[in-house]
Protein backbone atom coordinates (compact mmCIF):
# COMPACT_ATOMS: atom_id res chain seq x y z
CA MET A 1 0.08 0.03 -0.02
CA PRO A 2 2.77 2.41 0.71
CA VAL A 3 4.13 2.11 -2.70
CA LEU A 4 0.81 2.35 -4.25
CA ARG A 5 -0.15 5.66 -2.32
CA SER A 6 3.54 7.15 -3.30
CA ILE A 7 3.39 6.26 -7.24
CA ALA A 8 -0.28 7.70 -7.23
CA GLU A 9 0.41 10.65 -5.72
CA GLU A 10 3.45 11.97 -7.40
CA VAL A 11 1.46 11.75 -10.13
CA GLY A 12 -1.63 13.71 -8.66
CA TYR A 13 -3.96 10.29 -9.03
CA LEU A 14 -4.07 10.98 -13.03
CA CYS A 15 -3.08 8.07 -15.31
CA SER A 16 0.50 8.55 -16.55
CA ASN A 17 -0.32 7.24 -20.26
CA PRO A 18 0.31 10.41 -22.01
CA ALA A 19 -2.23 9.52 -24.43
CA CYS A 20 -5.06 9.09 -21.29
CA GLY A 21 -4.36 11.17 -18.57
CA ALA A 22 -7.41 10.05 -17.35
CA PRO A 23 -8.30 11.23 -13.19
CA THR A 24 -8.07 7.71 -11.43
CA ARG A 25 -9.78 9.15 -7.69
CA GLY A 26 -12.98 10.72 -7.22
CA PRO A 27 -15.89 10.74 -4.72
CA SER A 28 -18.23 8.21 -3.99
CA LYS A 29 -21.74 8.36 -2.29
CA SER A 30 -21.04 5.18 -0.54
CA LYS A 31 -17.46 4.92 0.05
CA GLY A 32 -16.38 8.53 0.54
CA ALA A 33 -13.85 8.10 -2.64
CA SER A 34 -13.99 6.01 -5.61
CA ASN A 35 -10.48 4.72 -6.92
CA VAL A 36 -10.25 3.23 -10.42
CA GLY A 37 -6.57 3.47 -10.49
CA VAL A 38 -4.04 0.43 -10.65
CA GLY A 39 -0.08 0.25 -9.48
CA ALA A 40 1.06 -1.62 -12.56
CA HIS A 41 4.84 -3.40 -12.69
CA ILE A 42 7.23 -1.37 -15.35
CA THR A 43 8.80 -5.26 -15.08
CA ALA A 44 7.12 -8.06 -13.97
CA ALA A 45 7.01 -9.19 -10.16
CA ALA A 46 7.13 -12.87 -11.35
CA LEU A 47 8.79 -14.63 -14.11
CA ARG A 48 7.08 -15.01 -17.60
CA GLY A 49 5.25 -11.81 -16.85
CA PRO A 50 5.08 -8.51 -18.69
CA ARG A 51 8.19 -6.81 -19.49
CA TYR A 52 9.94 -9.72 -16.92
CA ASP A 53 13.85 -8.29 -15.99
CA PRO A 54 16.01 -11.32 -14.18
CA ALA A 55 18.42 -8.49 -13.47
CA LEU A 56 16.25 -6.91 -10.66
CA THR A 57 16.52 -8.33 -7.51
CA LYS A 58 13.29 -9.03 -5.50
CA VAL A 59 13.24 -5.67 -3.56
CA GLN A 60 13.94 -3.60 -7.01
CA ARG A 61 11.04 -5.32 -8.41
CA GLU A 62 8.79 -4.59 -5.51
CA SER A 63 9.97 -0.65 -5.16
CA THR A 64 8.29 2.33 -6.15
CA THR A 65 11.05 2.91 -9.43
CA ASN A 66 9.37 -0.19 -10.89
CA ALA A 67 5.99 0.76 -10.34
CA ILE A 68 3.61 3.38 -12.31
CA TRP A 69 0.31 4.39 -12.04
CA LEU A 70 -2.46 3.89 -14.34
CA CYS A 71 -6.19 4.07 -14.75
CA ALA A 72 -7.26 0.45 -14.92
CA ARG A 73 -7.94 0.67 -18.42
CA CYS A 74 -4.40 1.37 -19.17
CA GLY A 75 -3.18 -1.15 -16.65
CA ARG A 76 -4.90 -3.94 -18.86
CA LEU A 77 -3.28 -2.36 -22.01
CA VAL A 78 0.41 -2.54 -21.02
CA ASP A 79 0.59 -5.79 -19.85
CA ASN A 80 -1.72 -7.07 -22.91
CA ASP A 81 0.70 -5.77 -25.27
CA THR A 82 4.24 -5.81 -24.29
CA THR A 83 5.64 -5.40 -27.56
CA THR A 84 3.81 -1.99 -28.33
CA TYR A 85 4.58 -0.98 -24.69
CA THR A 86 8.22 -1.40 -23.37
CA LYS A 87 9.99 -0.88 -20.53
CA ASP A 88 11.65 2.13 -21.80
CA ASP A 89 8.29 3.34 -22.87
CA LEU A 90 7.07 2.86 -19.21
CA LEU A 91 9.65 4.69 -17.84
CA ALA A 92 9.38 7.64 -20.06
CA TRP A 93 5.33 7.57 -18.86
CA LYS A 94 6.06 7.82 -15.44
CA THR A 95 9.21 10.71 -16.29
CA GLN A 96 6.85 12.95 -17.75
CA ALA A 97 3.95 12.33 -15.36
CA ILE A 98 5.85 13.29 -12.63
CA ALA A 99 7.42 16.30 -14.52
CA ARG A 100 3.83 17.17 -15.57
CA ALA A 101 2.50 17.01 -11.65
CA HIS A 102 5.56 18.93 -10.24
CA ARG A 103 4.79 21.60 -13.02
CA ALA A 104 1.05 21.95 -11.53
CA LEU A 105 2.34 22.49 -8.39
CA GLU A 106 4.90 25.13 -9.23
CA THR A 107 2.47 27.12 -11.37
CA GLY A 108 -0.68 26.23 -9.18
CA LYS A 109 -2.67 25.34 -12.58
CA THR A 110 -3.99 21.82 -11.97
CA PRO A 111 -3.18 20.12 -15.39
CA LYS A 112 -6.05 19.38 -17.70
CA PRO A 113 -7.11 15.51 -17.30
CA GLY A 114 -6.94 13.76 -20.96
CA PRO A 115 -4.20 12.79 -23.39
CA SER A 116 -1.66 15.20 -24.10
CA GLN A 117 -1.48 17.66 -26.67
CA ARG A 118 1.28 15.69 -29.12
CA ALA A 119 -1.32 12.25 -28.54
CA ARG A 120 -4.15 14.48 -29.62
CA LYS A 121 -2.02 15.36 -32.72
CA HIS A 122 -0.85 12.01 -33.47
CA ASP A 123 -4.58 10.43 -33.30
CA GLU A 124 -6.54 13.45 -35.51
CA THR A 125 -3.63 12.51 -38.68
CA ARG A 126 -4.72 8.79 -37.92
CA PHE A 127 -7.70 9.87 -37.84
CA ARG A 128 -7.53 12.03 -41.16
CA GLU A 129 -6.04 9.47 -43.21
CA SER A 130 -7.99 6.61 -42.10
CA ASP A 131 -10.81 8.34 -42.91
CA ALA A 132 -9.83 9.51 -46.42
CA ILE A 133 -9.43 5.59 -47.25
CA MET A 134 -12.90 5.19 -45.44
CA SER A 135 -15.67 7.13 -45.16
CA GLU A 136 -18.65 6.90 -43.05
CA ARG A 137 -20.48 7.41 -46.66
CA GLN A 138 -18.48 4.54 -47.98
CA LEU A 139 -18.86 2.21 -45.41
CA ARG A 140 -22.47 2.58 -45.21
CA ALA A 141 -22.67 2.17 -49.20
CA PHE A 142 -21.23 -1.10 -48.55
CA MET A 143 -23.74 -1.93 -46.08
CA ASN A 144 -26.88 -0.97 -47.85
CA ASP A 145 -25.59 -2.81 -50.65
CA LEU A 146 -25.53 -5.91 -48.78
CA ASP A 147 -29.12 -5.61 -47.72
CA ASP A 148 -30.11 -7.21 -50.82
CA ASP A 149 -27.59 -10.45 -49.88
CA ALA A 150 -25.45 -9.28 -52.63
CA PHE A 151 -22.57 -6.93 -53.76
CA THR A 152 -21.03 -4.92 -56.49
CA LEU A 153 -17.30 -5.94 -56.61
CA GLY A 154 -14.74 -3.04 -55.72
CA VAL A 155 -17.19 -1.45 -52.80
CA GLU A 156 -16.03 -3.07 -50.23
CA GLU A 157 -12.48 -2.11 -51.21
CA PRO A 158 -12.36 0.56 -48.58
CA SER A 159 -13.33 -1.29 -45.59
CA GLU A 160 -10.35 -3.81 -46.86
CA ARG A 161 -7.72 -0.70 -47.18
CA TRP A 162 -9.07 0.98 -43.63
CA ILE A 163 -8.10 -2.71 -41.67
CA ASP A 164 -4.96 -2.78 -44.08
CA PHE A 165 -3.98 0.89 -42.92
CA PHE A 166 -4.39 -0.03 -38.83
CA LEU A 167 -1.98 -3.31 -39.14
CA LEU A 168 0.96 -1.29 -40.00
CA GLU A 169 3.19 -0.14 -37.21
CA GLY A 170 2.65 3.44 -36.41
CA ASN A 171 -0.95 3.96 -37.65
CA GLN A 172 -2.80 2.73 -34.26
CA PHE A 173 -4.69 5.24 -32.11
CA LEU A 174 -2.81 6.06 -29.05
CA ILE A 175 -5.64 7.64 -27.06
CA PRO A 176 -6.89 4.27 -25.38
CA SER A 177 -10.51 4.55 -25.98
CA ILE A 178 -10.22 5.23 -29.61
CA ARG A 179 -7.58 2.49 -29.93
CA GLU A 180 -10.05 0.32 -28.09
CA ARG A 181 -13.05 1.01 -30.29
CA CYS A 182 -10.94 0.97 -33.54
CA ILE A 183 -9.80 -2.40 -32.75
CA THR A 184 -13.60 -3.53 -32.08
CA CYS A 185 -14.42 -1.91 -35.42
CA ALA A 186 -11.81 -4.05 -37.35
CA ARG A 187 -12.45 -6.89 -35.73
CA ALA A 188 -16.04 -6.94 -36.72
CA LEU A 189 -15.49 -5.64 -40.12
CA VAL A 190 -12.81 -8.88 -40.70
CA ASP A 191 -15.62 -10.73 -39.14
CA LEU A 192 -17.77 -9.44 -42.37
CA ARG A 193 -15.15 -10.18 -44.79
CA GLU A 194 -14.18 -13.75 -44.01
CA TYR A 195 -18.01 -14.51 -43.82
CA ILE A 196 -18.36 -13.09 -47.26
CA ALA A 197 -15.33 -14.77 -48.69
CA PHE A 198 -16.72 -18.18 -47.95
CA ASN A 199 -20.29 -17.69 -48.48
CA PHE A 200 -20.82 -15.08 -51.93
CA PHE A 201 -20.40 -16.21 -54.96
CA VAL A 202 -21.07 -15.04 -58.47
CA TYR A 203 -24.58 -16.20 -59.90
CA PRO A 204 -24.90 -16.71 -63.46
CA ASN A 205 -27.13 -13.80 -64.75
CA THR A 206 -24.75 -10.78 -63.38
CA LEU A 207 -21.31 -12.23 -64.69
CA ARG A 208 -21.02 -8.81 -66.47
CA SER A 209 -21.99 -6.57 -63.38
CA ARG A 210 -19.37 -8.23 -61.16
CA ARG A 211 -22.12 -8.57 -58.64
CA LEU A 212 -21.23 -11.34 -56.08
CA ALA A 213 -24.59 -12.90 -53.85
CA LEU A 214 -25.08 -15.12 -50.86
CA HIS A 215 -25.09 -18.58 -51.63
CA PRO A 216 -27.38 -18.24 -55.39
CA HIS A 217 -27.92 -21.85 -55.29
CA LEU A 218 -29.78 -21.56 -52.48
CA ASN A 219 -31.45 -18.76 -53.46
CA VAL A 220 -34.69 -19.24 -55.23
CA ASP A 221 -34.40 -15.85 -57.37
CA ARG A 222 -31.20 -16.68 -57.94
CA GLY A 223 -31.02 -19.91 -59.28
CA GLY A 224 -32.20 -22.32 -56.28
CA SER A 225 -34.84 -24.82 -56.70
CA GLY A 226 -36.85 -23.47 -54.21
CA LYS A 227 -36.81 -26.60 -52.04
CA ARG A 228 -37.59 -26.34 -48.48
CA GLU A 229 -34.48 -27.33 -46.91
CA GLU A 230 -32.66 -25.07 -49.42
CA MET A 231 -34.61 -21.75 -48.29
CA ARG A 232 -34.44 -22.76 -44.77
CA ARG A 233 -30.48 -23.19 -44.97
CA TYR A 234 -30.35 -19.52 -46.91
CA MET A 235 -32.74 -18.07 -44.47
CA GLU A 236 -30.08 -19.13 -41.54
CA GLU A 237 -27.22 -17.85 -43.73
CA ALA A 238 -29.17 -14.44 -44.55
CA LYS A 239 -29.81 -14.33 -40.35
CA ASN A 240 -25.92 -14.63 -39.97
CA LEU A 241 -24.84 -11.94 -42.52
CA HIS A 242 -27.19 -8.90 -41.07
CA ARG A 243 -26.27 -9.93 -37.37
CA LEU A 244 -22.32 -9.19 -38.92
CA VAL A 245 -23.56 -6.37 -40.81
CA ASP A 246 -25.39 -4.97 -37.78
CA ASP A 247 -22.47 -5.86 -35.56
CA ALA A 248 -20.17 -4.03 -37.92
CA LEU A 249 -22.07 -0.44 -38.17
CA GLU A 250 -22.56 -0.70 -34.26
CA ALA A 251 -19.06 -0.83 -33.85
CA TYR A 252 -18.26 1.71 -36.21
CA SER A 253 -20.90 3.82 -34.63
CA LEU A 254 -19.15 3.82 -31.08
CA TYR A 255 -15.90 4.11 -32.85
CA ARG A 256 -17.00 7.46 -34.59
CA ARG A 257 -18.54 8.62 -31.30
CA THR A 258 -15.60 8.36 -29.61
CA VAL A 259 -13.03 10.32 -32.11
CA LYS A 260 -15.73 13.34 -31.63
CA GLU A 261 -15.62 13.12 -28.28
CA GLN A 262 -12.06 13.23 -27.83
CA LEU A 263 -10.84 14.77 -30.81
CA THR A 264 -10.98 18.23 -32.50
CA LEU A 265 -11.55 17.94 -35.97
C-alpha cells in the first residue's frame, strides 16, 4: 500500500499514460472516495510476466521505481501488449507524468485531464488518413448494398484498405478509448469480410455486372430450386450475414462517436 500511495500521489492520481491522463480518484457517495487506478509493474514481479527483467532483485521489483500509476484500462492495455508498450516506454511515461504533476505544483495550475496535445495530434492525423481511405458514407454504401444479400465487386475495397491501414506499425491510435473502439470495429469488419469470402459467389445472370451474392444456388430468385431445405438454409445464412452487418455498423458508430468526443477535427 505505501508503494501504491506513493506512485499515485507523485502523479496527482492521474493516469501516467500521456495518451490518456484520466483522473483515477474521485468522490463516492457510498465509500467516500472511489479509486479506478492501478499500480502496474514496469517489469514483472514474477518470471514470464510482462517485461520481466531477471537482473532486478526482489526488493527492486517491489520498489516505487519499478511501478507506474495507470487507470485500470491502461493497466490492462500495457500488460496485454508488451511488444508495443516496452519497459523504456513506461519509464518515459512515469518521468513525464511526475514532471507534469511537479509543474502543476510550481505554477498552481491544475493539469488538464486527458490525452496530451502530442497524442491528440497523432490521433487526429491517423483519423484523417484513415477517413480518406474509408469514409462513413463509403462504409454505409457497402452495408446498404448487402441489404439485398449481394454486392458489386469494388464497393468493399475501402473497408479492406481501412483495416490494412491500422495493421501498419505506427498507424494505431494512442488514446486508449479510441484505440479500443478502432480494434473492435476492425474485428467486426474482418469477421464480415471472412464470412463474405466463404459464402458469396457469382451467379450466372450477373457475370457482366460483377456482383456476388449470398449462396445464389440456395436462393430461388437466383437459381435455387425452391426446395424447403434449401430455403431454410438460405434464411439461416442471411440471418448470420445481417447480424454481422449490424455488429459492424454498431462498432463503427461507437468508434466515430469516441473520435468525436476525444478529438477536435
